[in-house]
């Protein structure tokens, strides 16, 4: 039996940084669910590479969850990571000065 992969989620200025481990011969598929249990899981990336940056913008306080599913190069599912979650923080944007 293959041990589960780890998935680490970090907030960075550009979005959500996801890092995971996998063996060289494995394929990693990254899944995301937006909005909590009412949302649906969608595949964000097939044959994903680590690290992965999810830069999609969501409304403040939106729950966003991720997991990684590992598979063999033949498509047989192997290990799956635990689910990691974050609530989208409010984004502060610096006003831009305009020159006329």
PDB file of N, CA and C in Angstrom:
ATOM      1  N   UNK A   1       0.835  -1.185   0.000  1.00  0.00           N
ATOM      2  CA  UNK A   1       0.000   0.000   0.000  1.00  0.00           C
ATOM      3  C   UNK A   1       0.877   1.244   0.000  1.00  0.00           C
ATOM      4  N   UNK A   2       0.481   2.244  -0.771  1.00  0.00           N
ATOM      5  CA  UNK A   2       1.224   3.487  -0.875  1.00  0.00           C
ATOM      6  C   UNK A   2       0.785   4.428   0.242  1.00  0.00           C
ATOM      7  N   UNK A   3       1.741   5.095   0.855  1.00  0.00           N
ATOM      8  CA  UNK A   3       1.377   6.035   1.914  1.00  0.00           C
ATOM      9  C   UNK A   3       0.829   7.316   1.292  1.00  0.00           C
ATOM     10  N   UNK A   4      -0.077   7.988   2.005  1.00  0.00           N
ATOM     11  CA  UNK A   4      -0.677   9.202   1.466  1.00  0.00           C
ATOM     12  C   UNK A   4       0.365  10.295   1.243  1.00  0.00           C
ATOM     13  N   UNK A   5       0.112  11.116   0.274  1.00  0.00           N
ATOM     14  CA  UNK A   5       0.993  12.244   0.011  1.00  0.00           C
ATOM     15  C   UNK A   5       0.679  13.381   0.968  1.00  0.00           C
ATOM     16  N   UNK A   6       1.624  14.251   1.172  1.00  0.00           N
ATOM     17  CA  UNK A   6       1.368  15.426   1.997  1.00  0.00           C
ATOM     18  C   UNK A   6       0.994  16.589   1.083  1.00  0.00           C
ATOM     19  N   UNK A   7       0.177  17.477   1.590  1.00  0.00           N
ATOM     20  CA  UNK A   7      -0.222  18.669   0.853  1.00  0.00           C
ATOM     21  C   UNK A   7      -0.162  19.832   1.820  1.00  0.00           C
ATOM     22  N   UNK A   8       0.608  20.866   1.449  1.00  0.00           N
ATOM     23  CA  UNK A   8       0.781  22.033   2.307  1.00  0.00           C
ATOM     24  C   UNK A   8       0.247  23.249   1.569  1.00  0.00           C
ATOM     25  N   UNK A   9      -0.621  23.990   2.227  1.00  0.00           N
ATOM     26  CA  UNK A   9      -1.260  25.176   1.669  1.00  0.00           C
ATOM     27  C   UNK A   9      -0.745  26.408   2.391  1.00  0.00           C
ATOM     28  N   UNK A  10      -0.287  27.388   1.617  1.00  0.00           N
ATOM     29  CA  UNK A  10       0.190  28.649   2.185  1.00  0.00           C
ATOM     30  C   UNK A  10      -0.436  29.804   1.420  1.00  0.00           C
ATOM     31  N   UNK A  11      -0.802  30.849   2.140  1.00  0.00           N
ATOM     32  CA  UNK A  11      -1.284  32.055   1.481  1.00  0.00           C
ATOM     33  C   UNK A  11      -0.088  32.928   1.128  1.00  0.00           C
ATOM     34  N   UNK A  12      -0.037  33.372  -0.106  1.00  0.00           N
ATOM     35  CA  UNK A  12       1.013  34.257  -0.590  1.00  0.00           C
ATOM     36  C   UNK A  12       0.324  35.431  -1.283  1.00  0.00           C
ATOM     37  N   UNK A  13       1.021  36.542  -1.498  1.00  0.00           N
ATOM     38  CA  UNK A  13       0.375  37.686  -2.138  1.00  0.00           C
ATOM     39  C   UNK A  13      -0.285  37.364  -3.479  1.00  0.00           C
ATOM     40  N   UNK A  14       0.250  36.420  -4.221  1.00  0.00           N
ATOM     41  CA  UNK A  14      -0.292  36.085  -5.543  1.00  0.00           C
ATOM     42  C   UNK A  14      -1.464  35.112  -5.489  1.00  0.00           C
ATOM     43  N   UNK A  15      -1.742  34.517  -4.322  1.00  0.00           N
ATOM     44  CA  UNK A  15      -2.843  33.557  -4.224  1.00  0.00           C
ATOM     45  C   UNK A  15      -2.576  32.491  -3.186  1.00  0.00           C
ATOM     46  N   UNK A  16      -2.876  31.235  -3.532  1.00  0.00           N
ATOM     47  CA  UNK A  16      -2.696  30.104  -2.618  1.00  0.00           C
ATOM     48  C   UNK A  16      -1.634  29.172  -3.203  1.00  0.00           C
ATOM     49  N   UNK A  17      -0.574  28.995  -2.450  1.00  0.00           N
ATOM     50  CA  UNK A  17       0.581  28.187  -2.846  1.00  0.00           C
ATOM     51  C   UNK A  17       0.379  26.781  -2.302  1.00  0.00           C
ATOM     52  N   UNK A  18       0.385  25.787  -3.181  1.00  0.00           N
ATOM     53  CA  UNK A  18       0.180  24.394  -2.781  1.00  0.00           C
ATOM     54  C   UNK A  18       1.429  23.592  -3.116  1.00  0.00           C
ATOM     55  N   UNK A  19       1.948  22.909  -2.122  1.00  0.00           N
ATOM     56  CA  UNK A  19       3.122  22.056  -2.310  1.00  0.00           C
ATOM     57  C   UNK A  19       2.769  20.646  -1.867  1.00  0.00           C
ATOM     58  N   UNK A  20       3.201  19.667  -2.644  1.00  0.00           N
ATOM     59  CA  UNK A  20       2.893  18.278  -2.325  1.00  0.00           C
ATOM     60  C   UNK A  20       4.059  17.392  -2.732  1.00  0.00           C
ATOM     61  N   UNK A  21       4.046  16.186  -2.185  1.00  0.00           N
ATOM     62  CA  UNK A  21       5.095  15.218  -2.498  1.00  0.00           C
ATOM     63  C   UNK A  21       4.512  14.095  -3.340  1.00  0.00           C
ATOM     64  N   UNK A  22       5.351  13.546  -4.196  1.00  0.00           N
ATOM     65  CA  UNK A  22       4.958  12.391  -4.999  1.00  0.00           C
ATOM     66  C   UNK A  22       6.220  11.703  -5.482  1.00  0.00           C
ATOM     67  N   UNK A  23       6.057  10.447  -5.867  1.00  0.00           N
ATOM     68  CA  UNK A  23       7.171   9.709  -6.443  1.00  0.00           C
ATOM     69  C   UNK A  23       7.314  10.121  -7.904  1.00  0.00           C
ATOM     70  N   UNK A  24       8.480   9.941  -8.430  1.00  0.00           N
ATOM     71  CA  UNK A  24       8.768  10.321  -9.812  1.00  0.00           C
ATOM     72  C   UNK A  24       7.838   9.639 -10.818  1.00  0.00           C
ATOM     73  N   UNK A  25       7.461   8.411 -10.559  1.00  0.00           N
ATOM     74  CA  UNK A  25       6.629   7.648 -11.495  1.00  0.00           C
ATOM     75  C   UNK A  25       5.129   7.919 -11.319  1.00  0.00           C
ATOM     76  N   UNK A  26       4.749   8.730 -10.316  1.00  0.00           N
ATOM     77  CA  UNK A  26       3.340   8.996 -10.055  1.00  0.00           C
ATOM     78  C   UNK A  26       2.862  10.256 -10.784  1.00  0.00           C
ATOM     79  N   UNK A  27       1.576  10.298 -11.030  1.00  0.00           N
ATOM     80  CA  UNK A  27       0.914  11.461 -11.613  1.00  0.00           C
ATOM     81  C   UNK A  27       0.046  12.059 -10.517  1.00  0.00           C
ATOM     82  N   UNK A  28       0.075  13.383 -10.380  1.00  0.00           N
ATOM     83  CA  UNK A  28      -0.703  14.056  -9.341  1.00  0.00           C
ATOM     84  C   UNK A  28      -1.819  14.884  -9.972  1.00  0.00           C
ATOM     85  N   UNK A  29      -3.039  14.699  -9.473  1.00  0.00           N
ATOM     86  CA  UNK A  29      -4.182  15.492  -9.905  1.00  0.00           C
ATOM     87  C   UNK A  29      -4.624  16.337  -8.716  1.00  0.00           C
ATOM     88  N   UNK A  30      -4.741  17.640  -8.932  1.00  0.00           N
ATOM     89  CA  UNK A  30      -5.107  18.568  -7.867  1.00  0.00           C
ATOM     90  C   UNK A  30      -6.580  18.923  -7.997  1.00  0.00           C
ATOM     91  N   UNK A  31      -7.321  18.787  -6.881  1.00  0.00           N
ATOM     92  CA  UNK A  31      -8.752  19.066  -6.854  1.00  0.00           C
ATOM     93  C   UNK A  31      -9.036  20.232  -5.913  1.00  0.00           C
ATOM     94  N   UNK A  32     -10.079  21.009  -6.250  1.00  0.00           N
ATOM     95  CA  UNK A  32     -10.465  22.159  -5.435  1.00  0.00           C
ATOM     96  C   UNK A  32     -11.984  22.182  -5.271  1.00  0.00           C
ATOM     97  N   UNK A  33     -12.422  22.612  -4.076  1.00  0.00           N
ATOM     98  CA  UNK A  33     -13.845  22.837  -3.810  1.00  0.00           C
ATOM     99  C   UNK A  33     -13.967  24.240  -3.214  1.00  0.00           C
ATOM    100  N   UNK A  34     -14.883  25.017  -3.764  1.00  0.00           N
ATOM    101  CA  UNK A  34     -15.099  26.390  -3.315  1.00  0.00           C
ATOM    102  C   UNK A  34     -16.491  26.477  -2.690  1.00  0.00           C
ATOM    103  N   UNK A  35     -16.583  27.101  -1.532  1.00  0.00           N
ATOM    104  CA  UNK A  35     -17.881  27.305  -0.903  1.00  0.00           C
ATOM    105  C   UNK A  35     -18.248  26.281   0.146  1.00  0.00           C
ATOM    106  N   UNK A  36     -17.316  25.456   0.557  1.00  0.00           N
ATOM    107  CA  UNK A  36     -17.595  24.470   1.598  1.00  0.00           C
ATOM    108  C   UNK A  36     -18.354  23.266   1.082  1.00  0.00           C
ATOM    109  N   UNK A  37     -19.076  22.600   1.988  1.00  0.00           N
ATOM    110  CA  UNK A  37     -19.769  21.349   1.654  1.00  0.00           C
ATOM    111  C   UNK A  37     -20.801  21.523   0.544  1.00  0.00           C
ATOM    112  N   UNK A  38     -21.311  22.727   0.350  1.00  0.00           N
ATOM    113  CA  UNK A  38     -22.291  22.970  -0.717  1.00  0.00           C
ATOM    114  C   UNK A  38     -21.639  22.991  -2.093  1.00  0.00           C
ATOM    115  N   UNK A  39     -20.326  23.178  -2.135  1.00  0.00           N
ATOM    116  CA  UNK A  39     -19.607  23.229  -3.405  1.00  0.00           C
ATOM    117  C   UNK A  39     -19.335  21.839  -3.951  1.00  0.00           C
ATOM    118  N   UNK A  40     -18.859  21.777  -5.182  1.00  0.00           N
ATOM    119  CA  UNK A  40     -18.498  20.492  -5.791  1.00  0.00           C
ATOM    120  C   UNK A  40     -16.995  20.450  -6.026  1.00  0.00           C
ATOM    121  N   UNK A  41     -16.445  19.264  -5.933  1.00  0.00           N
ATOM    122  CA  UNK A  41     -15.020  19.080  -6.204  1.00  0.00           C
ATOM    123  C   UNK A  41     -14.798  19.116  -7.705  1.00  0.00           C
ATOM    124  N   UNK A  42     -13.823  19.904  -8.134  1.00  0.00           N
ATOM    125  CA  UNK A  42     -13.450  19.954  -9.544  1.00  0.00           C
ATOM    126  C   UNK A  42     -11.946  19.761  -9.664  1.00  0.00           C
ATOM    127  N   UNK A  43     -11.540  19.146 -10.764  1.00  0.00           N
ATOM    128  CA  UNK A  43     -10.103  18.959 -10.969  1.00  0.00           C
ATOM    129  C   UNK A  43      -9.520  20.272 -11.454  1.00  0.00           C
ATOM    130  N   UNK A  44      -8.619  20.808 -10.659  1.00  0.00           N
ATOM    131  CA  UNK A  44      -7.974  22.072 -10.955  1.00  0.00           C
ATOM    132  C   UNK A  44      -6.798  21.870 -11.911  1.00  0.00           C
ATOM    133  N   UNK A  45      -6.092  20.753 -11.751  1.00  0.00           N
ATOM    134  CA  UNK A  45      -4.917  20.486 -12.595  1.00  0.00           C
ATOM    135  C   UNK A  45      -4.707  18.989 -12.736  1.00  0.00           C
ATOM    136  N   UNK A  46      -4.504  18.552 -13.961  1.00  0.00           N
ATOM    137  CA  UNK A  46      -4.149  17.156 -14.242  1.00  0.00           C
ATOM    138  C   UNK A  46      -2.637  17.095 -14.417  1.00  0.00           C
ATOM    139  N   UNK A  47      -2.034  16.043 -13.899  1.00  0.00           N
ATOM    140  CA  UNK A  47      -0.585  15.886 -13.949  1.00  0.00           C
ATOM    141  C   UNK A  47       0.102  17.143 -13.410  1.00  0.00           C
ATOM    142  N   UNK A  48      -0.359  17.592 -12.244  1.00  0.00           N
ATOM    143  CA  UNK A  48       0.129  18.824 -11.622  1.00  0.00           C
ATOM    144  C   UNK A  48       1.567  18.683 -11.156  1.00  0.00           C
ATOM    145  N   UNK A  49       2.238  19.785 -11.149  1.00  0.00           N
ATOM    146  CA  UNK A  49       3.605  19.853 -10.621  1.00  0.00           C
ATOM    147  C   UNK A  49       3.590  20.672  -9.337  1.00  0.00           C
ATOM    148  N   UNK A  50       4.506  20.320  -8.462  1.00  0.00           N
ATOM    149  CA  UNK A  50       4.622  21.027  -7.194  1.00  0.00           C
ATOM    150  C   UNK A  50       5.853  21.929  -7.234  1.00  0.00           C
ATOM    151  N   UNK A  51       5.731  23.158  -6.768  1.00  0.00           N
ATOM    152  CA  UNK A  51       4.549  23.773  -6.187  1.00  0.00           C
ATOM    153  C   UNK A  51       3.579  24.258  -7.266  1.00  0.00           C
ATOM    154  N   UNK A  52       2.330  24.451  -6.848  1.00  0.00           N
ATOM    155  CA  UNK A  52       1.272  24.927  -7.737  1.00  0.00           C
ATOM    156  C   UNK A  52       0.704  26.199  -7.131  1.00  0.00           C
ATOM    157  N   UNK A  53       0.479  27.215  -7.957  1.00  0.00           N
ATOM    158  CA  UNK A  53      -0.099  28.466  -7.475  1.00  0.00           C
ATOM    159  C   UNK A  53      -1.508  28.613  -8.026  1.00  0.00           C
ATOM    160  N   UNK A  54      -2.478  28.701  -7.122  1.00  0.00           N
ATOM    161  CA  UNK A  54      -3.862  28.963  -7.511  1.00  0.00           C
ATOM    162  C   UNK A  54      -4.081  30.459  -7.295  1.00  0.00           C
ATOM    163  N   UNK A  55      -4.145  31.202  -8.388  1.00  0.00           N
ATOM    164  CA  UNK A  55      -4.248  32.652  -8.312  1.00  0.00           C
ATOM    165  C   UNK A  55      -5.667  33.162  -8.541  1.00  0.00           C
ATOM    166  N   UNK A  56      -6.643  32.251  -8.656  1.00  0.00           N
ATOM    167  CA  UNK A  56      -8.018  32.691  -8.868  1.00  0.00           C
ATOM    168  C   UNK A  56      -8.496  33.487  -7.649  1.00  0.00           C
ATOM    169  N   UNK A  57      -9.202  34.568  -7.907  1.00  0.00           N
ATOM    170  CA  UNK A  57      -9.667  35.460  -6.848  1.00  0.00           C
ATOM    171  C   UNK A  57     -11.100  35.088  -6.462  1.00  0.00           C
ATOM    172  N   UNK A  58     -11.350  35.035  -5.146  1.00  0.00           N
ATOM    173  CA  UNK A  58     -12.677  34.758  -4.610  1.00  0.00           C
ATOM    174  C   UNK A  58     -13.067  35.865  -3.654  1.00  0.00           C
ATOM    175  N   UNK A  59     -14.345  35.983  -3.376  1.00  0.00           N
ATOM    176  CA  UNK A  59     -14.823  36.969  -2.402  1.00  0.00           C
ATOM    177  C   UNK A  59     -14.216  36.665  -1.033  1.00  0.00           C
ATOM    178  N   UNK A  60     -14.053  37.720  -0.243  1.00  0.00           N
ATOM    179  CA  UNK A  60     -13.505  37.557   1.106  1.00  0.00           C
ATOM    180  C   UNK A  60     -14.347  36.571   1.901  1.00  0.00           C
ATOM    181  N   UNK A  61     -13.686  35.775   2.697  1.00  0.00           N
ATOM    182  CA  UNK A  61     -14.279  34.790   3.601  1.00  0.00           C
ATOM    183  C   UNK A  61     -14.844  33.563   2.883  1.00  0.00           C
ATOM    184  N   UNK A  62     -14.537  33.390   1.609  1.00  0.00           N
ATOM    185  CA  UNK A  62     -14.974  32.208   0.870  1.00  0.00           C
ATOM    186  C   UNK A  62     -14.113  31.014   1.273  1.00  0.00           C
ATOM    187  N   UNK A  63     -14.713  29.889   1.689  1.00  0.00           N
ATOM    188  CA  UNK A  63     -13.903  28.709   2.002  1.00  0.00           C
ATOM    189  C   UNK A  63     -13.419  28.031   0.708  1.00  0.00           C
ATOM    190  N   UNK A  64     -12.132  27.694   0.698  1.00  0.00           N
ATOM    191  CA  UNK A  64     -11.525  27.019  -0.446  1.00  0.00           C
ATOM    192  C   UNK A  64     -10.768  25.812   0.093  1.00  0.00           C
ATOM    193  N   UNK A  65     -11.024  24.632  -0.500  1.00  0.00           N
ATOM    194  CA  UNK A  65     -10.403  23.387  -0.037  1.00  0.00           C
ATOM    195  C   UNK A  65      -9.686  22.707  -1.203  1.00  0.00           C
ATOM    196  N   UNK A  66      -8.671  21.930  -0.870  1.00  0.00           N
ATOM    197  CA  UNK A  66      -7.886  21.228  -1.883  1.00  0.00           C
ATOM    198  C   UNK A  66      -7.530  19.819  -1.412  1.00  0.00           C
ATOM    199  N   UNK A  67      -7.303  18.928  -2.368  1.00  0.00           N
ATOM    200  CA  UNK A  67      -6.630  17.665  -2.100  1.00  0.00           C
ATOM    201  C   UNK A  67      -5.904  17.220  -3.365  1.00  0.00           C
ATOM    202  N   UNK A  68      -4.930  16.348  -3.191  1.00  0.00           N
ATOM    203  CA  UNK A  68      -4.173  15.788  -4.305  1.00  0.00           C
ATOM    204  C   UNK A  68      -4.458  14.296  -4.374  1.00  0.00           C
ATOM    205  N   UNK A  69      -4.763  13.818  -5.560  1.00  0.00           N
ATOM    206  CA  UNK A  69      -4.963  12.384  -5.811  1.00  0.00           C
ATOM    207  C   UNK A  69      -3.794  11.908  -6.660  1.00  0.00           C
ATOM    208  N   UNK A  70      -3.064  10.924  -6.149  1.00  0.00           N
ATOM    209  CA  UNK A  70      -1.963  10.346  -6.909  1.00  0.00           C
ATOM    210  C   UNK A  70      -2.453   9.151  -7.710  1.00  0.00           C
ATOM    211  N   UNK A  71      -1.865   8.954  -8.870  1.00  0.00           N
ATOM    212  CA  UNK A  71      -2.214   7.826  -9.730  1.00  0.00           C
ATOM    213  C   UNK A  71      -0.950   7.309 -10.389  1.00  0.00           C
ATOM    214  N   UNK A  72      -1.022   6.086 -10.863  1.00  0.00           N
ATOM    215  CA  UNK A  72       0.084   5.547 -11.636  1.00  0.00           C
ATOM    216  C   UNK A  72       0.049   6.180 -13.024  1.00  0.00           C
ATOM    217  N   UNK A  73       1.082   5.997 -13.769  1.00  0.00           N
ATOM    218  CA  UNK A  73       1.093   6.551 -15.134  1.00  0.00           C
ATOM    219  C   UNK A  73       0.052   5.874 -16.017  1.00  0.00           C
ATOM    220  N   UNK A  74      -0.520   4.767 -15.544  1.00  0.00           N
ATOM    221  CA  UNK A  74      -1.572   4.057 -16.280  1.00  0.00           C
ATOM    222  C   UNK A  74      -2.969   4.493 -15.844  1.00  0.00           C
ATOM    223  N   UNK A  75      -3.039   5.420 -14.870  1.00  0.00           N
ATOM    224  CA  UNK A  75      -4.324   5.949 -14.429  1.00  0.00           C
ATOM    225  C   UNK A  75      -4.935   5.278 -13.216  1.00  0.00           C
ATOM    226  N   UNK A  76      -4.262   4.275 -12.647  1.00  0.00           N
ATOM    227  CA  UNK A  76      -4.783   3.612 -11.447  1.00  0.00           C
ATOM    228  C   UNK A  76      -4.569   4.513 -10.234  1.00  0.00           C
ATOM    229  N   UNK A  77      -5.655   4.801  -9.502  1.00  0.00           N
ATOM    230  CA  UNK A  77      -5.547   5.665  -8.334  1.00  0.00           C
ATOM    231  C   UNK A  77      -4.722   5.007  -7.243  1.00  0.00           C
ATOM    232  N   UNK A  78      -3.897   5.830  -6.608  1.00  0.00           N
ATOM    233  CA  UNK A  78      -3.076   5.358  -5.494  1.00  0.00           C
ATOM    234  C   UNK A  78      -3.458   6.156  -4.255  1.00  0.00           C
ATOM    235  N   UNK A  79      -2.524   6.895  -3.725  1.00  0.00           N
ATOM    236  CA  UNK A  79      -2.749   7.633  -2.481  1.00  0.00           C
ATOM    237  C   UNK A  79      -3.468   8.950  -2.736  1.00  0.00           C
ATOM    238  N   UNK A  80      -4.143   9.402  -1.691  1.00  0.00           N
ATOM    239  CA  UNK A  80      -4.815  10.694  -1.721  1.00  0.00           C
ATOM    240  C   UNK A  80      -4.392  11.471  -0.490  1.00  0.00           C
ATOM    241  N   UNK A  81      -4.161  12.762  -0.652  1.00  0.00           N
ATOM    242  CA  UNK A  81      -3.768  13.598   0.486  1.00  0.00           C
ATOM    243  C   UNK A  81      -4.968  13.879   1.381  1.00  0.00           C
ATOM    244  N   UNK A  82      -4.700  14.420   2.525  1.00  0.00           N
ATOM    245  CA  UNK A  82      -5.772  14.939   3.365  1.00  0.00           C
ATOM    246  C   UNK A  82      -6.260  16.231   2.720  1.00  0.00           C
ATOM    247  N   UNK A  83      -7.429  16.673   3.111  1.00  0.00           N
ATOM    248  CA  UNK A  83      -7.982  17.923   2.601  1.00  0.00           C
ATOM    249  C   UNK A  83      -7.384  19.079   3.400  1.00  0.00           C
ATOM    250  N   UNK A  84      -6.926  20.100   2.682  1.00  0.00           N
ATOM    251  CA  UNK A  84      -6.445  21.323   3.327  1.00  0.00           C
ATOM    252  C   UNK A  84      -7.402  22.440   2.950  1.00  0.00           C
ATOM    253  N   UNK A  85      -7.630  23.369   3.873  1.00  0.00           N
ATOM    254  CA  UNK A  85      -8.632  24.407   3.643  1.00  0.00           C
ATOM    255  C   UNK A  85      -8.158  25.763   4.144  1.00  0.00           C
ATOM    256  N   UNK A  86      -8.743  26.786   3.555  1.00  0.00           N
ATOM    257  CA  UNK A  86      -8.474  28.165   3.958  1.00  0.00           C
ATOM    258  C   UNK A  86      -9.707  28.998   3.620  1.00  0.00           C
ATOM    259  N   UNK A  87      -9.890  30.066   4.335  1.00  0.00           N
ATOM    260  CA  UNK A  87     -10.932  31.043   3.974  1.00  0.00           C
ATOM    261  C   UNK A  87     -10.221  32.191   3.276  1.00  0.00           C
ATOM    262  N   UNK A  88     -10.747  32.581   2.136  1.00  0.00           N
ATOM    263  CA  UNK A  88     -10.133  33.648   1.358  1.00  0.00           C
ATOM    264  C   UNK A  88     -10.099  34.925   2.180  1.00  0.00           C
ATOM    265  N   UNK A  89      -8.910  35.468   2.423  1.00  0.00           N
ATOM    266  CA  UNK A  89      -8.844  36.714   3.199  1.00  0.00           C
ATOM    267  C   UNK A  89      -9.294  37.905   2.351  1.00  0.00           C
ATOM    268  N   UNK A  90      -9.667  38.981   3.018  1.00  0.00           N
ATOM    269  CA  UNK A  90      -9.980  40.221   2.312  1.00  0.00           C
ATOM    270  C   UNK A  90      -8.685  40.735   1.696  1.00  0.00           C
ATOM    271  N   UNK A  91      -8.768  41.223   0.497  1.00  0.00           N
ATOM    272  CA  UNK A  91      -7.580  41.707  -0.208  1.00  0.00           C
ATOM    273  C   UNK A  91      -7.567  43.221  -0.160  1.00  0.00           C
ATOM    274  N   UNK A  92      -6.449  43.743   0.282  1.00  0.00           N
ATOM    275  CA  UNK A  92      -6.286  45.194   0.298  1.00  0.00           C
ATOM    276  C   UNK A  92      -5.508  45.589  -0.938  1.00  0.00           C
ATOM    277  N   UNK A  93      -6.053  46.489  -1.718  1.00  0.00           N
ATOM    278  CA  UNK A  93      -5.371  46.945  -2.918  1.00  0.00           C
ATOM    279  C   UNK A  93      -4.929  48.383  -2.702  1.00  0.00           C
ATOM    280  N   UNK A  94      -3.664  48.641  -3.000  1.00  0.00           N
ATOM    281  CA  UNK A  94      -3.124  49.994  -2.880  1.00  0.00           C
ATOM    282  C   UNK A  94      -3.660  50.814  -4.042  1.00  0.00           C
ATOM    283  N   UNK A  95      -4.225  51.991  -3.755  1.00  0.00           N
ATOM    284  CA  UNK A  95      -4.736  52.824  -4.851  1.00  0.00           C
ATOM    285  C   UNK A  95      -3.594  53.247  -5.763  1.00  0.00           C
ATOM    286  N   UNK A  96      -3.880  53.284  -7.038  1.00  0.00           N
ATOM    287  CA  UNK A  96      -2.868  53.711  -8.012  1.00  0.00           C
ATOM    288  C   UNK A  96      -3.007  55.202  -8.258  1.00  0.00           C
ATOM    289  N   UNK A  97      -1.877  55.865  -8.309  1.00  0.00           N
ATOM    290  CA  UNK A  97      -1.901  57.295  -8.613  1.00  0.00           C
ATOM    291  C   UNK A  97      -2.051  57.470 -10.113  1.00  0.00           C
ATOM    292  N   UNK A  98      -2.811  58.448 -10.491  1.00  0.00           N
ATOM    293  CA  UNK A  98      -3.002  58.746 -11.904  1.00  0.00           C
ATOM    294  C   UNK A  98      -2.332  60.059 -12.237  1.00  0.00           C
ATOM    295  N   UNK A  99      -1.725  60.110 -13.397  1.00  0.00           N
ATOM    296  CA  UNK A  99      -1.096  61.347 -13.869  1.00  0.00           C
ATOM    297  C   UNK A  99      -1.893  61.888 -15.026  1.00  0.00           C
ATOM    298  N   UNK A 100      -2.201  63.168 -15.003  1.00  0.00           N
ATOM    299  CA  UNK A 100      -2.961  63.777 -16.095  1.00  0.00           C
ATOM    300  C   UNK A 100      -2.151  64.825 -16.774  1.00  0.00           C
TER     301      UNK A 100
END
